[in-house]
PDB file of N, CA and C in Angstrom:
ATOM      1  N   MET A   1       0.851  -1.179   0.000  1.00  0.00           N
ATOM      2  CA  MET A   1       0.000   0.000   0.000  1.00  0.00           C
ATOM      3  C   MET A   1       0.889   1.232   0.000  1.00  0.00           C
ATOM      4  N   PRO A   2       0.639   2.165  -0.898  1.00  0.00           N
ATOM      5  CA  PRO A   2       1.464   3.369  -0.965  1.00  0.00           C
ATOM      6  C   PRO A   2       1.265   4.259   0.265  1.00  0.00           C
ATOM      7  N   ALA A   3       2.216   5.125   0.472  1.00  0.00           N
ATOM      8  CA  ALA A   3       2.135   6.061   1.596  1.00  0.00           C
ATOM      9  C   ALA A   3       0.938   6.990   1.408  1.00  0.00           C
ATOM     10  N   PRO A   4       0.364   7.491   2.522  1.00  0.00           N
ATOM     11  CA  PRO A   4      -0.776   8.402   2.412  1.00  0.00           C
ATOM     12  C   PRO A   4      -0.415   9.642   1.588  1.00  0.00           C
ATOM     13  N   SER A   5      -1.368  10.068   0.782  1.00  0.00           N
ATOM     14  CA  SER A   5      -1.148  11.250  -0.051  1.00  0.00           C
ATOM     15  C   SER A   5      -1.254  12.511   0.803  1.00  0.00           C
ATOM     16  N   PRO A   6      -0.740  13.631   0.301  1.00  0.00           N
ATOM     17  CA  PRO A   6      -0.877  14.890   1.034  1.00  0.00           C
ATOM     18  C   PRO A   6      -2.347  15.234   1.305  1.00  0.00           C
ATOM     19  N   LEU A   7      -3.233  14.871   0.372  1.00  0.00           N
ATOM     20  CA  LEU A   7      -4.657  15.135   0.561  1.00  0.00           C
ATOM     21  C   LEU A   7      -5.213  14.322   1.728  1.00  0.00           C
ATOM     22  N   THR A   8      -4.809  13.062   1.821  1.00  0.00           N
ATOM     23  CA  THR A   8      -5.251  12.210   2.921  1.00  0.00           C
ATOM     24  C   THR A   8      -4.775  12.773   4.251  1.00  0.00           C
ATOM     25  N   ILE A   9      -3.536  13.157   4.291  1.00  0.00           N
ATOM     26  CA  ILE A   9      -2.959  13.700   5.523  1.00  0.00           C
ATOM     27  C   ILE A   9      -3.675  14.989   5.920  1.00  0.00           C
ATOM     28  N   ALA A  10      -3.932  15.860   4.953  1.00  0.00           N
ATOM     29  CA  ALA A  10      -4.605  17.129   5.236  1.00  0.00           C
ATOM     30  C   ALA A  10      -6.028  16.890   5.742  1.00  0.00           C
ATOM     31  N   THR A  11      -6.715  15.933   5.145  1.00  0.00           N
ATOM     32  CA  THR A  11      -8.082  15.633   5.566  1.00  0.00           C
ATOM     33  C   THR A  11      -8.093  15.085   6.982  1.00  0.00           C
ATOM     34  N   GLN A  12      -7.186  14.136   7.263  1.00  0.00           N
ATOM     35  CA  GLN A  12      -7.110  13.584   8.617  1.00  0.00           C
ATOM     36  C   GLN A  12      -6.790  14.683   9.613  1.00  0.00           C
ATOM     37  N   SER A  13      -5.844  15.551   9.256  1.00  0.00           N
ATOM     38  CA  SER A  13      -5.457  16.634  10.159  1.00  0.00           C
ATOM     39  C   SER A  13      -6.625  17.572  10.416  1.00  0.00           C
ATOM     40  N   ARG A  14      -7.384  17.868   9.371  1.00  0.00           N
ATOM     41  CA  ARG A  14      -8.523  18.785   9.510  1.00  0.00           C
ATOM     42  C   ARG A  14      -9.584  18.203  10.453  1.00  0.00           C
ATOM     43  N   VAL A  15      -9.917  16.924  10.273  1.00  0.00           N
ATOM     44  CA  VAL A  15     -10.927  16.289  11.122  1.00  0.00           C
ATOM     45  C   VAL A  15     -10.421  16.221  12.560  1.00  0.00           C
ATOM     46  N   LYS A  16      -9.166  15.846  12.742  1.00  0.00           N
ATOM     47  CA  LYS A  16      -8.614  15.757  14.100  1.00  0.00           C
ATOM     48  C   LYS A  16      -8.575  17.126  14.768  1.00  0.00           C
ATOM     49  N   LYS A  17      -8.273  18.173  14.012  1.00  0.00           N
ATOM     50  CA  LYS A  17      -8.246  19.526  14.566  1.00  0.00           C
ATOM     51  C   LYS A  17      -9.650  19.924  15.009  1.00  0.00           C
ATOM     52  N   LEU A  18     -10.643  19.646  14.170  1.00  0.00           N
ATOM     53  CA  LEU A  18     -12.021  19.973  14.534  1.00  0.00           C
ATOM     54  C   LEU A  18     -12.446  19.219  15.781  1.00  0.00           C
ATOM     55  N   GLU A  19     -12.072  17.936  15.877  1.00  0.00           N
ATOM     56  CA  GLU A  19     -12.401  17.150  17.066  1.00  0.00           C
ATOM     57  C   GLU A  19     -11.741  17.755  18.305  1.00  0.00           C
ATOM     58  N   GLY A  20     -10.455  18.108  18.158  1.00  0.00           N
ATOM     59  CA  GLY A  20      -9.730  18.704  19.285  1.00  0.00           C
ATOM     60  C   GLY A  20     -10.319  20.032  19.711  1.00  0.00           C
ATOM     61  N   ASP A  21     -10.673  20.863  18.745  1.00  0.00           N
ATOM     62  CA  ASP A  21     -11.274  22.157  19.057  1.00  0.00           C
ATOM     63  C   ASP A  21     -12.600  21.981  19.781  1.00  0.00           C
ATOM     64  N   LEU A  22     -13.380  21.016  19.342  1.00  0.00           N
ATOM     65  CA  LEU A  22     -14.687  20.776  19.947  1.00  0.00           C
ATOM     66  C   LEU A  22     -14.532  20.280  21.380  1.00  0.00           C
ATOM     67  N   LYS A  23     -13.586  19.382  21.605  1.00  0.00           N
ATOM     68  CA  LYS A  23     -13.343  18.862  22.956  1.00  0.00           C
ATOM     69  C   LYS A  23     -12.794  19.963  23.866  1.00  0.00           C
ATOM     70  N   ALA A  24     -11.895  20.772  23.333  1.00  0.00           N
ATOM     71  CA  ALA A  24     -11.285  21.839  24.130  1.00  0.00           C
ATOM     72  C   ALA A  24     -12.315  22.886  24.539  1.00  0.00           C
ATOM     73  N   ALA A  25     -13.250  23.159  23.665  1.00  0.00           N
ATOM     74  CA  ALA A  25     -14.266  24.169  23.963  1.00  0.00           C
ATOM     75  C   ALA A  25     -15.281  23.659  24.978  1.00  0.00           C
ATOM     76  N   GLY A  26     -15.481  22.355  25.019  1.00  0.00           N
ATOM     77  CA  GLY A  26     -16.420  21.768  25.978  1.00  0.00           C
ATOM     78  C   GLY A  26     -17.810  22.351  25.837  1.00  0.00           C
ATOM     79  N   GLU A  27     -18.360  22.796  26.938  1.00  0.00           N
ATOM     80  CA  GLU A  27     -19.717  23.348  26.929  1.00  0.00           C
ATOM     81  C   GLU A  27     -19.787  24.703  26.230  1.00  0.00           C
ATOM     82  N   ASP A  28     -18.662  25.366  26.115  1.00  0.00           N
ATOM     83  CA  ASP A  28     -18.626  26.675  25.464  1.00  0.00           C
ATOM     84  C   ASP A  28     -18.526  26.567  23.931  1.00  0.00           C
ATOM     85  N   ALA A  29     -18.589  25.340  23.427  1.00  0.00           N
ATOM     86  CA  ALA A  29     -18.420  25.132  21.992  1.00  0.00           C
ATOM     87  C   ALA A  29     -19.545  25.795  21.204  1.00  0.00           C
ATOM     88  N   ASP A  30     -19.158  26.313  20.071  1.00  0.00           N
ATOM     89  CA  ASP A  30     -20.114  26.884  19.137  1.00  0.00           C
ATOM     90  C   ASP A  30     -21.062  25.762  18.705  1.00  0.00           C
ATOM     91  N   SER A  31     -22.345  26.043  18.676  1.00  0.00           N
ATOM     92  CA  SER A  31     -23.308  24.999  18.313  1.00  0.00           C
ATOM     93  C   SER A  31     -23.083  24.510  16.885  1.00  0.00           C
ATOM     94  N   ASN A  32     -22.450  25.319  16.076  1.00  0.00           N
ATOM     95  CA  ASN A  32     -22.166  24.946  14.696  1.00  0.00           C
ATOM     96  C   ASN A  32     -20.940  24.038  14.586  1.00  0.00           C
ATOM     97  N   ALA A  33     -20.077  24.044  15.600  1.00  0.00           N
ATOM     98  CA  ALA A  33     -18.834  23.274  15.541  1.00  0.00           C
ATOM     99  C   ALA A  33     -19.119  21.777  15.426  1.00  0.00           C
ATOM    100  N   GLY A  34     -20.084  21.295  16.184  1.00  0.00           N
ATOM    101  CA  GLY A  34     -20.442  19.875  16.107  1.00  0.00           C
ATOM    102  C   GLY A  34     -20.970  19.506  14.736  1.00  0.00           C
ATOM    103  N   PHE A  35     -21.772  20.391  14.174  1.00  0.00           N
ATOM    104  CA  PHE A  35     -22.324  20.162  12.833  1.00  0.00           C
ATOM    105  C   PHE A  35     -21.215  20.118  11.795  1.00  0.00           C
ATOM    106  N   VAL A  36     -20.282  21.046  11.882  1.00  0.00           N
ATOM    107  CA  VAL A  36     -19.170  21.103  10.933  1.00  0.00           C
ATOM    108  C   VAL A  36     -18.350  19.820  11.024  1.00  0.00           C
ATOM    109  N   LEU A  37     -18.083  19.357  12.247  1.00  0.00           N
ATOM    110  CA  LEU A  37     -17.324  18.126  12.431  1.00  0.00           C
ATOM    111  C   LEU A  37     -18.065  16.948  11.810  1.00  0.00           C
ATOM    112  N   LYS A  38     -19.359  16.850  12.048  1.00  0.00           N
ATOM    113  CA  LYS A  38     -20.145  15.755  11.475  1.00  0.00           C
ATOM    114  C   LYS A  38     -20.128  15.806   9.950  1.00  0.00           C
ATOM    115  N   GLN A  39     -20.197  17.000   9.386  1.00  0.00           N
ATOM    116  CA  GLN A  39     -20.154  17.147   7.929  1.00  0.00           C
ATOM    117  C   GLN A  39     -18.802  16.690   7.370  1.00  0.00           C
ATOM    118  N   GLU A  40     -17.726  17.046   8.053  1.00  0.00           N
ATOM    119  CA  GLU A  40     -16.390  16.634   7.615  1.00  0.00           C
ATOM    120  C   GLU A  40     -16.258  15.111   7.677  1.00  0.00           C
ATOM    121  N   GLN A  41     -16.739  14.520   8.772  1.00  0.00           N
ATOM    122  CA  GLN A  41     -16.666  13.076   8.910  1.00  0.00           C
ATOM    123  C   GLN A  41     -17.532  12.387   7.851  1.00  0.00           C
ATOM    124  N   LYS A  42     -18.685  12.970   7.570  1.00  0.00           N
ATOM    125  CA  LYS A  42     -19.564  12.415   6.534  1.00  0.00           C
ATOM    126  C   LYS A  42     -18.878  12.461   5.172  1.00  0.00           C
ATOM    127  N   ALA A  43     -18.192  13.539   4.893  1.00  0.00           N
ATOM    128  CA  ALA A  43     -17.478  13.666   3.611  1.00  0.00           C
ATOM    129  C   ALA A  43     -16.399  12.598   3.490  1.00  0.00           C
ATOM    130  N   VAL A  44     -15.690  12.336   4.577  1.00  0.00           N
ATOM    131  CA  VAL A  44     -14.652  11.300   4.569  1.00  0.00           C
ATOM    132  C   VAL A  44     -15.290   9.931   4.328  1.00  0.00           C
ATOM    133  N   ASP A  45     -16.389   9.650   5.024  1.00  0.00           N
ATOM    134  CA  ASP A  45     -17.069   8.362   4.860  1.00  0.00           C
ATOM    135  C   ASP A  45     -17.597   8.184   3.440  1.00  0.00           C
ATOM    136  N   GLU A  46     -18.167   9.244   2.863  1.00  0.00           N
ATOM    137  CA  GLU A  46     -18.685   9.166   1.495  1.00  0.00           C
ATOM    138  C   GLU A  46     -17.553   8.959   0.492  1.00  0.00           C
ATOM    139  N   THR A  47     -16.417   9.572   0.747  1.00  0.00           N
ATOM    140  CA  THR A  47     -15.266   9.388  -0.122  1.00  0.00           C
ATOM    141  C   THR A  47     -14.802   7.942  -0.089  1.00  0.00           C
ATOM    142  N   ARG A  48     -14.751   7.368   1.105  1.00  0.00           N
ATOM    143  CA  ARG A  48     -14.381   5.953   1.221  1.00  0.00           C
ATOM    144  C   ARG A  48     -15.357   5.077   0.451  1.00  0.00           C
ATOM    145  N   ALA A  49     -16.643   5.381   0.556  1.00  0.00           N
ATOM    146  CA  ALA A  49     -17.666   4.588  -0.123  1.00  0.00           C
ATOM    147  C   ALA A  49     -17.513   4.678  -1.648  1.00  0.00           C
ATOM    148  N   VAL A  50     -17.098   5.819  -2.146  1.00  0.00           N
ATOM    149  CA  VAL A  50     -16.916   5.991  -3.589  1.00  0.00           C
ATOM    150  C   VAL A  50     -15.678   5.238  -4.069  1.00  0.00           C
ATOM    151  N   PHE A  51     -14.618   5.255  -3.288  1.00  0.00           N
ATOM    152  CA  PHE A  51     -13.378   4.653  -3.736  1.00  0.00           C
ATOM    153  C   PHE A  51     -13.410   3.129  -3.744  1.00  0.00           C
ATOM    154  N   ALA A  52     -14.210   2.511  -2.910  1.00  0.00           N
ATOM    155  CA  ALA A  52     -14.255   1.046  -2.880  1.00  0.00           C
ATOM    156  C   ALA A  52     -14.627   0.462  -4.243  1.00  0.00           C
ATOM    157  N   PRO A  53     -15.750   0.875  -4.860  1.00  0.00           N
ATOM    158  CA  PRO A  53     -16.064   0.308  -6.175  1.00  0.00           C
ATOM    159  C   PRO A  53     -15.080   0.748  -7.268  1.00  0.00           C
ATOM    160  N   LEU A  54     -14.535   1.940  -7.142  1.00  0.00           N
ATOM    161  CA  LEU A  54     -13.545   2.383  -8.131  1.00  0.00           C
ATOM    162  C   LEU A  54     -12.298   1.514  -8.080  1.00  0.00           C
ATOM    163  N   ASN A  55     -11.859   1.190  -6.871  1.00  0.00           N
ATOM    164  CA  ASN A  55     -10.688   0.323  -6.732  1.00  0.00           C
ATOM    165  C   ASN A  55     -10.955  -1.045  -7.346  1.00  0.00           C
ATOM    166  N   LYS A  56     -12.156  -1.556  -7.156  1.00  0.00           N
ATOM    167  CA  LYS A  56     -12.523  -2.854  -7.737  1.00  0.00           C
ATOM    168  C   LYS A  56     -12.480  -2.782  -9.260  1.00  0.00           C
ATOM    169  N   ARG A  57     -13.014  -1.709  -9.833  1.00  0.00           N
ATOM    170  CA  ARG A  57     -13.008  -1.553 -11.287  1.00  0.00           C
ATOM    171  C   ARG A  57     -11.583  -1.433 -11.828  1.00  0.00           C
ATOM    172  N   ILE A  58     -10.732  -0.719 -11.116  1.00  0.00           N
ATOM    173  CA  ILE A  58      -9.335  -0.581 -11.536  1.00  0.00           C
ATOM    174  C   ILE A  58      -8.655  -1.945 -11.498  1.00  0.00           C
ATOM    175  N   GLU A  59      -8.912  -2.696 -10.426  1.00  0.00           N
ATOM    176  CA  GLU A  59      -8.334  -4.025 -10.278  1.00  0.00           C
ATOM    177  C   GLU A  59      -8.735  -4.927 -11.451  1.00  0.00           C
ATOM    178  N   GLU A  60     -10.022  -4.904 -11.789  1.00  0.00           N
ATOM    179  CA  GLU A  60     -10.519  -5.717 -12.904  1.00  0.00           C
ATOM    180  C   GLU A  60      -9.910  -5.268 -14.230  1.00  0.00           C
ATOM    181  N   ALA A  61      -9.781  -3.979 -14.427  1.00  0.00           N
ATOM    182  CA  ALA A  61      -9.193  -3.453 -15.661  1.00  0.00           C
ATOM    183  C   ALA A  61      -7.730  -3.858 -15.783  1.00  0.00           C
ATOM    184  N   VAL A  62      -7.013  -3.834 -14.671  1.00  0.00           N
ATOM    185  CA  VAL A  62      -5.602  -4.235 -14.671  1.00  0.00           C
ATOM    186  C   VAL A  62      -5.490  -5.710 -15.063  1.00  0.00           C
ATOM    187  N   GLN A  63      -6.360  -6.543 -14.506  1.00  0.00           N
ATOM    188  CA  GLN A  63      -6.329  -7.973 -14.845  1.00  0.00           C
ATOM    189  C   GLN A  63      -6.624  -8.202 -16.331  1.00  0.00           C
ATOM    190  N   ARG A  64      -7.641  -7.499 -16.837  1.00  0.00           N
ATOM    191  CA  ARG A  64      -7.977  -7.642 -18.264  1.00  0.00           C
ATOM    192  C   ARG A  64      -6.822  -7.182 -19.150  1.00  0.00           C
ATOM    193  N   LEU A  65      -6.194  -6.091 -18.782  1.00  0.00           N
ATOM    194  CA  LEU A  65      -5.085  -5.568 -19.578  1.00  0.00           C
ATOM    195  C   LEU A  65      -3.896  -6.528 -19.541  1.00  0.00           C
ATOM    196  N   GLU A  66      -3.633  -7.128 -18.387  1.00  0.00           N
ATOM    197  CA  GLU A  66      -2.546  -8.112 -18.299  1.00  0.00           C
ATOM    198  C   GLU A  66      -2.813  -9.287 -19.249  1.00  0.00           C
ATOM    199  N   GLU A  67      -4.068  -9.732 -19.278  1.00  0.00           N
ATOM    200  CA  GLU A  67      -4.433 -10.833 -20.171  1.00  0.00           C
ATOM    201  C   GLU A  67      -4.263 -10.428 -21.644  1.00  0.00           C
ATOM    202  N   GLN A  68      -4.693  -9.214 -21.964  1.00  0.00           N
ATOM    203  CA  GLN A  68      -4.589  -8.747 -23.342  1.00  0.00           C
ATOM    204  C   GLN A  68      -3.130  -8.564 -23.761  1.00  0.00           C
ATOM    205  N   ILE A  69      -2.309  -8.112 -22.849  1.00  0.00           N
ATOM    206  CA  ILE A  69      -0.879  -7.958 -23.155  1.00  0.00           C
ATOM    207  C   ILE A  69      -0.257  -9.328 -23.422  1.00  0.00           C
ATOM    208  N   ALA A  70      -0.603 -10.307 -22.575  1.00  0.00           N
ATOM    209  CA  ALA A  70      -0.069 -11.653 -22.772  1.00  0.00           C
ATOM    210  C   ALA A  70      -0.486 -12.206 -24.130  1.00  0.00           C
ATOM    211  N   THR A  71      -1.741 -11.994 -24.481  1.00  0.00           N
ATOM    212  CA  THR A  71      -2.240 -12.460 -25.780  1.00  0.00           C
ATOM    213  C   THR A  71      -1.521 -11.736 -26.915  1.00  0.00           C
ATOM    214  N   ALA A  72      -1.369 -10.430 -26.790  1.00  0.00           N
ATOM    215  CA  ALA A  72      -0.722  -9.639 -27.841  1.00  0.00           C
ATOM    216  C   ALA A  72       0.735 -10.039 -28.004  1.00  0.00           C
ATOM    217  N   GLU A  73       1.420 -10.345 -26.895  1.00  0.00           N
ATOM    218  CA  GLU A  73       2.824 -10.765 -26.979  1.00  0.00           C
ATOM    219  C   GLU A  73       2.949 -12.099 -27.706  1.00  0.00           C
ATOM    220  N   SER A  74       1.993 -12.997 -27.467  1.00  0.00           N
ATOM    221  CA  SER A  74       2.052 -14.299 -28.137  1.00  0.00           C
ATOM    222  C   SER A  74       1.711 -14.189 -29.620  1.00  0.00           C
ATOM    223  N   GLU A  75       0.998 -13.125 -29.985  1.00  0.00           N
ATOM    224  CA  GLU A  75       0.625 -12.920 -31.384  1.00  0.00           C
ATOM    225  C   GLU A  75       1.556 -11.938 -32.092  1.00  0.00           C
ATOM    226  N   ASP A  76       2.649 -11.582 -31.452  1.00  0.00           N
ATOM    227  CA  ASP A  76       3.627 -10.650 -32.023  1.00  0.00           C
ATOM    228  C   ASP A  76       2.997  -9.323 -32.447  1.00  0.00           C
ATOM    229  N   ALA A  77       2.317  -8.699 -31.512  1.00  0.00           N
ATOM    230  CA  ALA A  77       1.705  -7.386 -31.760  1.00  0.00           C
ATOM    231  C   ALA A  77       2.806  -6.345 -31.936  1.00  0.00           C
ATOM    232  N   PRO A  78       2.492  -5.211 -32.559  1.00  0.00           N
ATOM    233  CA  PRO A  78       3.490  -4.141 -32.731  1.00  0.00           C
ATOM    234  C   PRO A  78       4.070  -3.683 -31.382  1.00  0.00           C
ATOM    235  N   ALA A  79       5.352  -3.458 -31.368  1.00  0.00           N
ATOM    236  CA  ALA A  79       6.060  -3.100 -30.134  1.00  0.00           C
ATOM    237  C   ALA A  79       5.536  -1.804 -29.535  1.00  0.00           C
ATOM    238  N   ASP A  80       5.205  -0.820 -30.367  1.00  0.00           N
ATOM    239  CA  ASP A  80       4.730   0.451 -29.819  1.00  0.00           C
ATOM    240  C   ASP A  80       3.396   0.278 -29.101  1.00  0.00           C
ATOM    241  N   GLU A  81       2.524  -0.584 -29.617  1.00  0.00           N
ATOM    242  CA  GLU A  81       1.247  -0.840 -28.927  1.00  0.00           C
ATOM    243  C   GLU A  81       1.475  -1.555 -27.605  1.00  0.00           C
ATOM    244  N   LEU A  82       2.389  -2.519 -27.618  1.00  0.00           N
ATOM    245  CA  LEU A  82       2.706  -3.234 -26.374  1.00  0.00           C
ATOM    246  C   LEU A  82       3.298  -2.295 -25.335  1.00  0.00           C
ATOM    247  N   ASN A  83       4.175  -1.404 -25.764  1.00  0.00           N
ATOM    248  CA  ASN A  83       4.775  -0.448 -24.829  1.00  0.00           C
ATOM    249  C   ASN A  83       3.724   0.464 -24.217  1.00  0.00           C
ATOM    250  N   LYS A  84       2.791   0.940 -25.028  1.00  0.00           N
ATOM    251  CA  LYS A  84       1.716   1.797 -24.515  1.00  0.00           C
ATOM    252  C   LYS A  84       0.841   1.028 -23.530  1.00  0.00           C
ATOM    253  N   ALA A  85       0.547  -0.217 -23.860  1.00  0.00           N
ATOM    254  CA  ALA A  85      -0.279  -1.042 -22.978  1.00  0.00           C
ATOM    255  C   ALA A  85       0.437  -1.302 -21.650  1.00  0.00           C
ATOM    256  N   LYS A  86       1.734  -1.548 -21.720  1.00  0.00           N
ATOM    257  CA  LYS A  86       2.505  -1.792 -20.493  1.00  0.00           C
ATOM    258  C   LYS A  86       2.592  -0.531 -19.633  1.00  0.00           C
ATOM    259  N   GLU A  87       2.697   0.628 -20.270  1.00  0.00           N
ATOM    260  CA  GLU A  87       2.694   1.890 -19.520  1.00  0.00           C
ATOM    261  C   GLU A  87       1.351   2.084 -18.815  1.00  0.00           C
ATOM    262  N   ALA A  88       0.267   1.793 -19.538  1.00  0.00           N
ATOM    263  CA  ALA A  88      -1.069   1.912 -18.934  1.00  0.00           C
ATOM    264  C   ALA A  88      -1.228   0.924 -17.786  1.00  0.00           C
ATOM    265  N   LEU A  89      -0.665  -0.262 -17.944  1.00  0.00           N
ATOM    266  CA  LEU A  89      -0.724  -1.275 -16.895  1.00  0.00           C
ATOM    267  C   LEU A  89       0.001  -0.799 -15.636  1.00  0.00           C
ATOM    268  N   GLU A  90       1.177  -0.243 -15.821  1.00  0.00           N
ATOM    269  CA  GLU A  90       1.935   0.271 -14.666  1.00  0.00           C
ATOM    270  C   GLU A  90       1.181   1.400 -13.976  1.00  0.00           C
ATOM    271  N   LEU A  91       0.565   2.258 -14.765  1.00  0.00           N
ATOM    272  CA  LEU A  91      -0.227   3.339 -14.179  1.00  0.00           C
ATOM    273  C   LEU A  91      -1.392   2.766 -13.377  1.00  0.00           C
ATOM    274  N   GLY A  92      -2.074   1.787 -13.932  1.00  0.00           N
ATOM    275  CA  GLY A  92      -3.186   1.153 -13.229  1.00  0.00           C
ATOM    276  C   GLY A  92      -2.746   0.500 -11.940  1.00  0.00           C
ATOM    277  N   LYS A  93      -1.609  -0.173 -11.977  1.00  0.00           N
ATOM    278  CA  LYS A  93      -1.088  -0.816 -10.761  1.00  0.00           C
ATOM    279  C   LYS A  93      -0.686   0.211  -9.716  1.00  0.00           C
ATOM    280  N   SER A  94      -0.215   1.362 -10.163  1.00  0.00           N
ATOM    281  CA  SER A  94       0.244   2.376  -9.200  1.00  0.00           C
ATOM    282  C   SER A  94      -0.914   3.066  -8.476  1.00  0.00           C
ATOM    283  N   VAL A  95      -2.118   3.010  -9.051  1.00  0.00           N
ATOM    284  CA  VAL A  95      -3.248   3.673  -8.388  1.00  0.00           C
ATOM    285  C   VAL A  95      -4.168   2.690  -7.676  1.00  0.00           C
ATOM    286  N   GLU A  96      -3.867   1.411  -7.737  1.00  0.00           N
ATOM    287  CA  GLU A  96      -4.688   0.451  -7.017  1.00  0.00           C
ATOM    288  C   GLU A  96      -4.589   0.700  -5.520  1.00  0.00           C
ATOM    289  N   GLU A  97      -5.719   0.568  -4.865  1.00  0.00           N
ATOM    290  CA  GLU A  97      -5.812   0.688  -3.414  1.00  0.00           C
ATOM    291  C   GLU A  97      -5.176   1.938  -2.825  1.00  0.00           C
ATOM    292  N   PRO A  98      -5.561   3.122  -3.276  1.00  0.00           N
ATOM    293  CA  PRO A  98      -5.019   4.326  -2.656  1.00  0.00           C
ATOM    294  C   PRO A  98      -5.579   4.485  -1.255  1.00  0.00           C
ATOM    295  N   PRO A  99      -4.780   4.969  -0.332  1.00  0.00           N
ATOM    296  CA  PRO A  99      -5.295   5.188   1.014  1.00  0.00           C
ATOM    297  C   PRO A  99      -6.253   6.367   1.030  1.00  0.00           C
ATOM    298  N   VAL A 100      -7.267   6.231   1.814  1.00  0.00           N
ATOM    299  CA  VAL A 100      -8.235   7.306   1.980  1.00  0.00           C
ATOM    300  C   VAL A 100      -8.290   7.652   3.445  1.00  0.00           C
ATOM    301  N   ALA A 101      -8.372   8.930   3.714  1.00  0.00           N
ATOM    302  CA  ALA A 101      -8.379   9.475   5.067  1.00  0.00           C
ATOM    303  C   ALA A 101      -8.781   8.528   6.128  1.00  0.00           C
TER     304      ALA A 101
END
């Protein structure tokens, strides 16, 4: 699994800061602070829900491309097409299972 992206780190930091601010304020907390925290957490949860099926689709596409590359290599496909396919395969493998906040 690749290291967390700057976006993941920023999102985690933002949610943790909001949680800390809310706890520190205690009873004096702004009534909107709890709502804002819930909205941020909801956004993180919705993002996770979106990425799960996307990761599955990427995984399936990578498998199909690997099969097609193997077939093309056995049929002596043009080298430039194979190179492009292999580049796309590496890109697909590099984005599989990205960490989410």
